[in-house]
PDB file of N, CA and C in Angstrom:
ATOM      1  N   MET A   1      29.325  31.543 -11.266  1.00  0.00           N
ATOM      2  CA  MET A   1      28.208  31.219 -12.026  1.00  0.00           C
ATOM      3  C   MET A   1      27.177  30.472 -11.456  1.00  0.00           C
ATOM      4  N   PHE A   2      27.770  29.231 -10.858  1.00  0.00           N
ATOM      5  CA  PHE A   2      26.654  28.629 -10.132  1.00  0.00           C
ATOM      6  C   PHE A   2      26.239  29.019  -8.824  1.00  0.00           C
ATOM      7  N   LYS A   3      26.718  29.942  -8.171  1.00  0.00           N
ATOM      8  CA  LYS A   3      26.247  30.475  -6.982  1.00  0.00           C
ATOM      9  C   LYS A   3      25.114  31.533  -7.477  1.00  0.00           C
ATOM     10  N   LEU A   4      25.381  32.247  -8.326  1.00  0.00           N
ATOM     11  CA  LEU A   4      24.356  33.093  -9.059  1.00  0.00           C
ATOM     12  C   LEU A   4      22.965  32.132  -9.251  1.00  0.00           C
ATOM     13  N   LEU A   5      23.418  31.080 -10.195  1.00  0.00           N
ATOM     14  CA  LEU A   5      22.171  30.172 -10.696  1.00  0.00           C
ATOM     15  C   LEU A   5      21.329  29.515  -9.218  1.00  0.00           C
ATOM     16  N   ARG A   6      22.398  29.173  -8.291  1.00  0.00           N
ATOM     17  CA  ARG A   6      21.612  28.478  -7.171  1.00  0.00           C
ATOM     18  C   ARG A   6      20.849  29.922  -6.203  1.00  0.00           C
ATOM     19  N   LEU A   7      21.159  31.161  -6.442  1.00  0.00           N
ATOM     20  CA  LEU A   7      20.378  32.058  -5.891  1.00  0.00           C
ATOM     21  C   LEU A   7      19.273  32.609  -6.399  1.00  0.00           C
ATOM     22  N   LEU A   8      19.192  32.420  -7.884  1.00  0.00           N
ATOM     23  CA  LEU A   8      18.008  32.676  -8.567  1.00  0.00           C
ATOM     24  C   LEU A   8      16.861  31.396  -8.341  1.00  0.00           C
ATOM     25  N   PHE A   9      17.303  30.125  -8.248  1.00  0.00           N
ATOM     26  CA  PHE A   9      16.666  29.214  -7.996  1.00  0.00           C
ATOM     27  C   PHE A   9      15.807  29.150  -6.707  1.00  0.00           C
ATOM     28  N   LEU A  10      16.751  29.689  -5.900  1.00  0.00           N
ATOM     29  CA  LEU A  10      16.078  29.596  -4.371  1.00  0.00           C
ATOM     30  C   LEU A  10      15.128  30.828  -4.486  1.00  0.00           C
ATOM     31  N   GLY A  11      15.508  32.109  -4.840  1.00  0.00           N
ATOM     32  CA  GLY A  11      14.543  33.047  -5.272  1.00  0.00           C
ATOM     33  C   GLY A  11      13.206  32.648  -6.008  1.00  0.00           C
ATOM     34  N   LEU A  12      13.248  31.793  -6.865  1.00  0.00           N
ATOM     35  CA  LEU A  12      12.109  31.293  -7.423  1.00  0.00           C
ATOM     36  C   LEU A  12      11.377  30.411  -6.618  1.00  0.00           C
ATOM     37  N   ILE A  13      11.923  29.549  -5.928  1.00  0.00           N
ATOM     38  CA  ILE A  13      11.269  28.864  -4.863  1.00  0.00           C
ATOM     39  C   ILE A  13      10.428  29.520  -3.991  1.00  0.00           C
ATOM     40  N   ALA A  14      11.290  30.715  -3.303  1.00  0.00           N
ATOM     41  CA  ALA A  14      10.797  31.665  -2.448  1.00  0.00           C
ATOM     42  C   ALA A  14       9.461  32.140  -2.827  1.00  0.00           C
ATOM     43  N   LEU A  15       9.483  32.881  -4.270  1.00  0.00           N
ATOM     44  CA  LEU A  15       8.272  33.508  -4.825  1.00  0.00           C
ATOM     45  C   LEU A  15       7.069  32.638  -5.044  1.00  0.00           C
ATOM     46  N   ILE A  16       7.452  31.171  -5.242  1.00  0.00           N
ATOM     47  CA  ILE A  16       6.384  30.357  -5.561  1.00  0.00           C
ATOM     48  C   ILE A  16       5.563  30.107  -4.133  1.00  0.00           C
ATOM     49  N   LEU A  17       6.631  29.823  -2.813  1.00  0.00           N
ATOM     50  CA  LEU A  17       5.900  29.815  -1.433  1.00  0.00           C
ATOM     51  C   LEU A  17       5.030  30.748  -1.098  1.00  0.00           C
ATOM     52  N   ILE A  18       5.484  31.923  -1.696  1.00  0.00           N
ATOM     53  CA  ILE A  18       4.692  33.192  -1.065  1.00  0.00           C
ATOM     54  C   ILE A  18       3.482  33.179  -1.731  1.00  0.00           C
ATOM     55  N   ALA A  19       3.462  32.795  -3.013  1.00  0.00           N
ATOM     56  CA  ALA A  19       2.261  32.996  -3.900  1.00  0.00           C
ATOM     57  C   ALA A  19       1.370  31.896  -3.097  1.00  0.00           C
ATOM     58  N   VAL A  20       1.738  30.586  -3.033  1.00  0.00           N
ATOM     59  CA  VAL A  20       0.816  29.646  -2.577  1.00  0.00           C
ATOM     60  C   VAL A  20       0.348  30.189  -1.149  1.00  0.00           C
ATOM     61  N   ALA A  21       1.172  30.781  -0.188  1.00  0.00           N
ATOM     62  CA  ALA A  21       0.680  31.270   1.193  1.00  0.00           C
ATOM     63  C   ALA A  21      -0.266  32.318   0.506  1.00  0.00           C
ATOM     64  N   LEU A  22      -0.019  33.314  -0.207  1.00  0.00           N
ATOM     65  CA  LEU A  22      -1.134  34.240  -0.310  1.00  0.00           C
ATOM     66  C   LEU A  22      -2.554  34.002  -0.809  1.00  0.00           C
ATOM     67  N   ALA A  23      -2.320  32.596  -1.725  1.00  0.00           N
ATOM     68  CA  ALA A  23      -3.604  32.210  -2.341  1.00  0.00           C
ATOM     69  C   ALA A  23      -4.450  31.120  -1.213  1.00  0.00           C
ATOM     70  N   ASN A  24      -3.711  30.823  -0.198  1.00  0.00           N
ATOM     71  CA  ASN A  24      -4.465  29.927   0.694  1.00  0.00           C
ATOM     72  C   ASN A  24      -4.353  30.424   2.063  1.00  0.00           C
ATOM     73  N   ARG A  25      -4.914  31.546   2.226  1.00  0.00           N
ATOM     74  CA  ARG A  25      -4.963  32.429   3.754  1.00  0.00           C
ATOM     75  C   ARG A  25      -5.898  31.978   4.391  1.00  0.00           C
ATOM     76  N   SER A  26      -7.031  31.134   3.755  1.00  0.00           N
ATOM     77  CA  SER A  26      -8.519  31.096   4.541  1.00  0.00           C
ATOM     78  C   SER A  26      -7.990  30.220   6.124  1.00  0.00           C
ATOM     79  N   VAL A  27      -8.636  30.404   6.748  1.00  0.00           N
ATOM     80  CA  VAL A  27      -8.757  29.390   8.027  1.00  0.00           C
ATOM     81  C   VAL A  27      -9.436  28.268   8.074  1.00  0.00           C
ATOM     82  N   VAL A  28      -8.757  27.221   8.274  1.00  0.00           N
ATOM     83  CA  VAL A  28      -9.411  25.956   8.496  1.00  0.00           C
ATOM     84  C   VAL A  28      -9.204  25.243   9.835  1.00  0.00           C
ATOM     85  N   THR A  29     -10.130  24.626  10.146  1.00  0.00           N
ATOM     86  CA  THR A  29     -10.217  23.940  11.656  1.00  0.00           C
ATOM     87  C   THR A  29      -9.429  22.592  11.610  1.00  0.00           C
ATOM     88  N   LEU A  30      -8.482  22.218  12.163  1.00  0.00           N
ATOM     89  CA  LEU A  30      -7.970  20.930  12.500  1.00  0.00           C
ATOM     90  C   LEU A  30      -8.521  20.442  13.802  1.00  0.00           C
ATOM     91  N   GLN A  31      -9.086  19.200  13.415  1.00  0.00           N
ATOM     92  CA  GLN A  31      -9.479  18.453  14.603  1.00  0.00           C
ATOM     93  C   GLN A  31      -8.621  17.278  14.680  1.00  0.00           C
ATOM     94  N   LEU A  32      -8.761  16.609  15.933  1.00  0.00           N
ATOM     95  CA  LEU A  32      -8.146  15.457  16.205  1.00  0.00           C
ATOM     96  C   LEU A  32      -8.707  14.447  16.017  1.00  0.00           C
ATOM     97  N   LEU A  33      -9.951  14.421  16.407  1.00  0.00           N
ATOM     98  CA  LEU A  33     -10.832  13.225  16.106  1.00  0.00           C
ATOM     99  C   LEU A  33     -12.089  13.665  15.311  1.00  0.00           C
ATOM    100  N   PRO A  34     -12.744  12.853  14.583  1.00  0.00           N
ATOM    101  CA  PRO A  34     -14.090  12.949  14.009  1.00  0.00           C
ATOM    102  C   PRO A  34     -15.270  13.262  14.940  1.00  0.00           C
ATOM    103  N   ASP A  35     -16.185  14.226  14.563  1.00  0.00           N
ATOM    104  CA  ASP A  35     -17.477  14.552  15.165  1.00  0.00           C
ATOM    105  C   ASP A  35     -18.101  13.515  15.666  1.00  0.00           C
ATOM    106  N   GLU A  36     -17.901  12.438  15.285  1.00  0.00           N
ATOM    107  CA  GLU A  36     -18.773  11.083  16.031  1.00  0.00           C
ATOM    108  C   GLU A  36     -18.279  10.347  16.767  1.00  0.00           C
ATOM    109  N   ILE A  37     -16.605  10.586  16.738  1.00  0.00           N
ATOM    110  CA  ILE A  37     -15.986   9.765  17.971  1.00  0.00           C
ATOM    111  C   ILE A  37     -15.951  10.654  19.156  1.00  0.00           C
ATOM    112  N   ALA A  38     -15.799  11.951  18.899  1.00  0.00           N
ATOM    113  CA  ALA A  38     -15.436  12.785  19.912  1.00  0.00           C
ATOM    114  C   ALA A  38     -16.215  12.740  21.483  1.00  0.00           C
ATOM    115  N   PRO A  39     -17.350  12.592  21.326  1.00  0.00           N
ATOM    116  CA  PRO A  39     -18.271  12.456  22.429  1.00  0.00           C
ATOM    117  C   PRO A  39     -17.952  11.095  23.333  1.00  0.00           C
ATOM    118  N   TYR A  40     -17.487   9.960  22.511  1.00  0.00           N
ATOM    119  CA  TYR A  40     -17.264   8.642  23.547  1.00  0.00           C
ATOM    120  C   TYR A  40     -15.672   9.020  24.283  1.00  0.00           C
ATOM    121  N   VAL A  41     -15.061   9.553  23.640  1.00  0.00           N
ATOM    122  CA  VAL A  41     -13.649  10.023  23.991  1.00  0.00           C
ATOM    123  C   VAL A  41     -13.840  11.202  25.245  1.00  0.00           C
ATOM    124  N   GLY A  42     -14.751  11.959  25.098  1.00  0.00           N
ATOM    125  CA  GLY A  42     -14.846  13.106  25.913  1.00  0.00           C
ATOM    126  C   GLY A  42     -14.596  14.535  25.765  1.00  0.00           C
ATOM    127  N   SER A  43     -13.473  14.538  24.532  1.00  0.00           N
ATOM    128  CA  SER A  43     -13.294  15.798  24.349  1.00  0.00           C
ATOM    129  C   SER A  43     -12.774  15.879  22.908  1.00  0.00           C
ATOM    130  N   ASN A  44     -12.909  16.849  22.305  1.00  0.00           N
ATOM    131  CA  ASN A  44     -12.696  16.930  20.922  1.00  0.00           C
ATOM    132  C   ASN A  44     -11.754  18.409  20.762  1.00  0.00           C
ATOM    133  N   TRP A  45     -10.406  17.923  20.462  1.00  0.00           N
ATOM    134  CA  TRP A  45      -9.424  18.915  20.503  1.00  0.00           C
ATOM    135  C   TRP A  45      -9.649  19.397  18.946  1.00  0.00           C
ATOM    136  N   SER A  46      -9.535  20.752  18.873  1.00  0.00           N
ATOM    137  CA  SER A  46      -9.440  21.307  17.356  1.00  0.00           C
ATOM    138  C   SER A  46      -8.639  22.742  17.656  1.00  0.00           C
ATOM    139  N   LEU A  47      -8.241  22.975  16.334  1.00  0.00           N
ATOM    140  CA  LEU A  47      -7.210  24.241  16.051  1.00  0.00           C
ATOM    141  C   LEU A  47      -7.355  25.030  14.731  1.00  0.00           C
ATOM    142  N   PRO A  48      -7.910  26.421  15.209  1.00  0.00           N
ATOM    143  CA  PRO A  48      -7.959  26.816  13.787  1.00  0.00           C
ATOM    144  C   PRO A  48      -6.593  27.485  13.303  1.00  0.00           C
ATOM    145  N   VAL A  49      -6.186  27.256  11.869  1.00  0.00           N
ATOM    146  CA  VAL A  49      -4.912  27.527  11.420  1.00  0.00           C
ATOM    147  C   VAL A  49      -5.105  27.819   9.875  1.00  0.00           C
ATOM    148  N   PRO A  50      -4.650  28.846   9.411  1.00  0.00           N
ATOM    149  CA  PRO A  50      -4.293  29.109   7.943  1.00  0.00           C
ATOM    150  C   PRO A  50      -4.173  27.602   7.167  1.00  0.00           C
ATOM    151  N   LEU A  51      -4.799  27.712   5.870  1.00  0.00           N
ATOM    152  CA  LEU A  51      -4.325  26.738   5.191  1.00  0.00           C
ATOM    153  C   LEU A  51      -2.911  26.250   4.407  1.00  0.00           C
ATOM    154  N   PHE A  52      -2.412  27.411   4.331  1.00  0.00           N
ATOM    155  CA  PHE A  52      -0.980  27.290   4.010  1.00  0.00           C
ATOM    156  C   PHE A  52      -0.078  26.802   4.973  1.00  0.00           C
ATOM    157  N   LEU A  53      -0.551  27.198   6.263  1.00  0.00           N
ATOM    158  CA  LEU A  53       0.447  26.449   7.396  1.00  0.00           C
ATOM    159  C   LEU A  53       0.290  24.686   7.246  1.00  0.00           C
ATOM    160  N   VAL A  54      -0.984  24.547   7.320  1.00  0.00           N
ATOM    161  CA  VAL A  54      -1.120  22.955   7.153  1.00  0.00           C
ATOM    162  C   VAL A  54      -0.597  22.246   5.896  1.00  0.00           C
ATOM    163  N   ILE A  55      -0.228  23.097   4.812  1.00  0.00           N
ATOM    164  CA  ILE A  55       0.080  22.624   3.407  1.00  0.00           C
ATOM    165  C   ILE A  55       1.733  22.449   3.741  1.00  0.00           C
ATOM    166  N   PHE A  56       2.579  23.552   4.219  1.00  0.00           N
ATOM    167  CA  PHE A  56       3.786  23.572   4.594  1.00  0.00           C
ATOM    168  C   PHE A  56       4.108  22.666   5.662  1.00  0.00           C
ATOM    169  N   ALA A  57       3.342  22.352   6.466  1.00  0.00           N
ATOM    170  CA  ALA A  57       3.473  21.583   7.482  1.00  0.00           C
ATOM    171  C   ALA A  57       3.326  19.901   7.062  1.00  0.00           C
ATOM    172  N   CYS A  58       2.853  19.824   6.099  1.00  0.00           N
ATOM    173  CA  CYS A  58       2.711  18.373   5.528  1.00  0.00           C
ATOM    174  C   CYS A  58       3.830  18.271   4.492  1.00  0.00           C
ATOM    175  N   ILE A  59       4.218  19.217   3.906  1.00  0.00           N
ATOM    176  CA  ILE A  59       5.404  18.853   3.236  1.00  0.00           C
ATOM    177  C   ILE A  59       6.426  18.944   3.861  1.00  0.00           C
ATOM    178  N   LEU A  60       6.762  19.770   4.905  1.00  0.00           N
ATOM    179  CA  LEU A  60       7.856  19.403   6.018  1.00  0.00           C
ATOM    180  C   LEU A  60       7.886  17.911   6.496  1.00  0.00           C
ATOM    181  N   VAL A  61       6.670  17.537   7.059  1.00  0.00           N
ATOM    182  CA  VAL A  61       6.732  16.394   7.718  1.00  0.00           C
ATOM    183  C   VAL A  61       7.135  15.070   6.633  1.00  0.00           C
ATOM    184  N   GLY A  62       6.739  15.406   5.307  1.00  0.00           N
ATOM    185  CA  GLY A  62       6.972  14.309   4.479  1.00  0.00           C
ATOM    186  C   GLY A  62       8.528  14.548   4.085  1.00  0.00           C
ATOM    187  N   LEU A  63       8.977  15.517   4.357  1.00  0.00           N
ATOM    188  CA  LEU A  63      10.451  15.476   4.068  1.00  0.00           C
ATOM    189  C   LEU A  63      11.344  14.814   4.974  1.00  0.00           C
ATOM    190  N   LEU A  64      10.834  15.097   6.271  1.00  0.00           N
ATOM    191  CA  LEU A  64      11.524  14.738   7.355  1.00  0.00           C
ATOM    192  C   LEU A  64      11.518  12.943   7.469  1.00  0.00           C
ATOM    193  N   ILE A  65      10.210  12.389   7.095  1.00  0.00           N
ATOM    194  CA  ILE A  65      10.105  10.959   6.915  1.00  0.00           C
ATOM    195  C   ILE A  65      10.666  10.333   5.596  1.00  0.00           C
ATOM    196  N   GLY A  66      10.939  11.502   4.859  1.00  0.00           N
ATOM    197  CA  GLY A  66      11.902  10.739   3.732  1.00  0.00           C
ATOM    198  C   GLY A  66      13.335  10.637   3.950  1.00  0.00           C
ATOM    199  N   PHE A  67      14.042  11.883   4.654  1.00  0.00           N
ATOM    200  CA  PHE A  67      15.113  11.768   5.108  1.00  0.00           C
ATOM    201  C   PHE A  67      15.741  10.627   5.984  1.00  0.00           C
ATOM    202  N   VAL A  68      14.581  10.477   7.181  1.00  0.00           N
ATOM    203  CA  VAL A  68      14.795   9.586   7.838  1.00  0.00           C
ATOM    204  C   VAL A  68      14.991   8.158   7.565  1.00  0.00           C
ATOM    205  N   TRP A  69      14.030   7.925   6.534  1.00  0.00           N
ATOM    206  CA  TRP A  69      13.914   6.595   5.790  1.00  0.00           C
ATOM    207  C   TRP A  69      15.163   6.340   5.010  1.00  0.00           C
ATOM    208  N   GLU A  70      15.549   7.116   3.996  1.00  0.00           N
ATOM    209  CA  GLU A  70      16.764   7.295   3.590  1.00  0.00           C
ATOM    210  C   GLU A  70      17.922   6.538   4.371  1.00  0.00           C
ATOM    211  N   TRP A  71      17.984   7.609   5.717  1.00  0.00           N
ATOM    212  CA  TRP A  71      19.337   7.453   6.390  1.00  0.00           C
ATOM    213  C   TRP A  71      19.153   6.134   7.038  1.00  0.00           C
ATOM    214  N   LEU A  72      17.682   5.321   7.398  1.00  0.00           N
ATOM    215  CA  LEU A  72      17.929   4.192   8.023  1.00  0.00           C
ATOM    216  C   LEU A  72      18.416   3.020   6.720  1.00  0.00           C
ATOM    217  N   ARG A  73      17.975   3.740   5.709  1.00  0.00           N
ATOM    218  CA  ARG A  73      17.905   2.485   4.231  1.00  0.00           C
ATOM    219  C   ARG A  73      19.603   2.222   3.957  1.00  0.00           C
ATOM    220  N   GLU A  74      20.095   3.439   4.534  1.00  0.00           N
ATOM    221  CA  GLU A  74      21.522   3.647   4.112  1.00  0.00           C
ATOM    222  C   GLU A  74      22.544   3.083   5.413  1.00  0.00           C
ATOM    223  N   TYR A  75      21.925   2.638   6.131  1.00  0.00           N
ATOM    224  CA  TYR A  75      22.658   2.187   7.320  1.00  0.00           C
ATOM    225  C   TYR A  75      23.854   1.307   7.171  1.00  0.00           C
ATOM    226  N   LYS A  76      23.455   0.198   6.494  1.00  0.00           N
ATOM    227  CA  LYS A  76      24.503  -0.640   6.076  1.00  0.00           C
ATOM    228  C   LYS A  76      25.573  -0.231   5.093  1.00  0.00           C
ATOM    229  N   ILE A  77      25.406   0.483   4.223  1.00  0.00           N
ATOM    230  CA  ILE A  77      26.398   1.308   3.649  1.00  0.00           C
ATOM    231  C   ILE A  77      27.433   2.020   4.258  1.00  0.00           C
ATOM    232  N   ARG A  78      26.885   2.840   5.200  1.00  0.00           N
ATOM    233  CA  ARG A  78      27.585   3.707   6.411  1.00  0.00           C
ATOM    234  C   ARG A  78      28.383   2.615   7.197  1.00  0.00           C
ATOM    235  N   SER A  79      27.839   1.431   7.643  1.00  0.00           N
ATOM    236  CA  SER A  79      28.614   0.705   8.530  1.00  0.00           C
ATOM    237  C   SER A  79      29.576  -0.125   7.908  1.00  0.00           C
ATOM    238  N   THR A  80      29.461  -0.403   6.817  1.00  0.00           N
ATOM    239  CA  THR A  80      30.712  -1.194   5.929  1.00  0.00           C
ATOM    240  C   THR A  80      31.927  -0.016   5.543  1.00  0.00           C
ATOM    241  N   ALA A  81      31.352   1.186   5.388  1.00  0.00           N
ATOM    242  CA  ALA A  81      32.398   2.182   5.026  1.00  0.00           C
ATOM    243  C   ALA A  81      33.356   2.692   6.308  1.00  0.00           C
TER     244      ALA A  81
END
């Protein structure tokens, strides 16, 4: 029962992620520096990517930061166990 419920939940999440990706297919340009600062540095690194990749990458980075933060926070609990 729970296996079926889990599969349905994962399928729903997959459908939502696909819908978000299809709705945000426009290309955006990621720049390392603002246009005002780039002449002083000498280069302006930029990369055109679809918007949904930016959204998914931000979600992934946020999750990774949260996992690492929680792992570091629970260090004392693990060391005493």
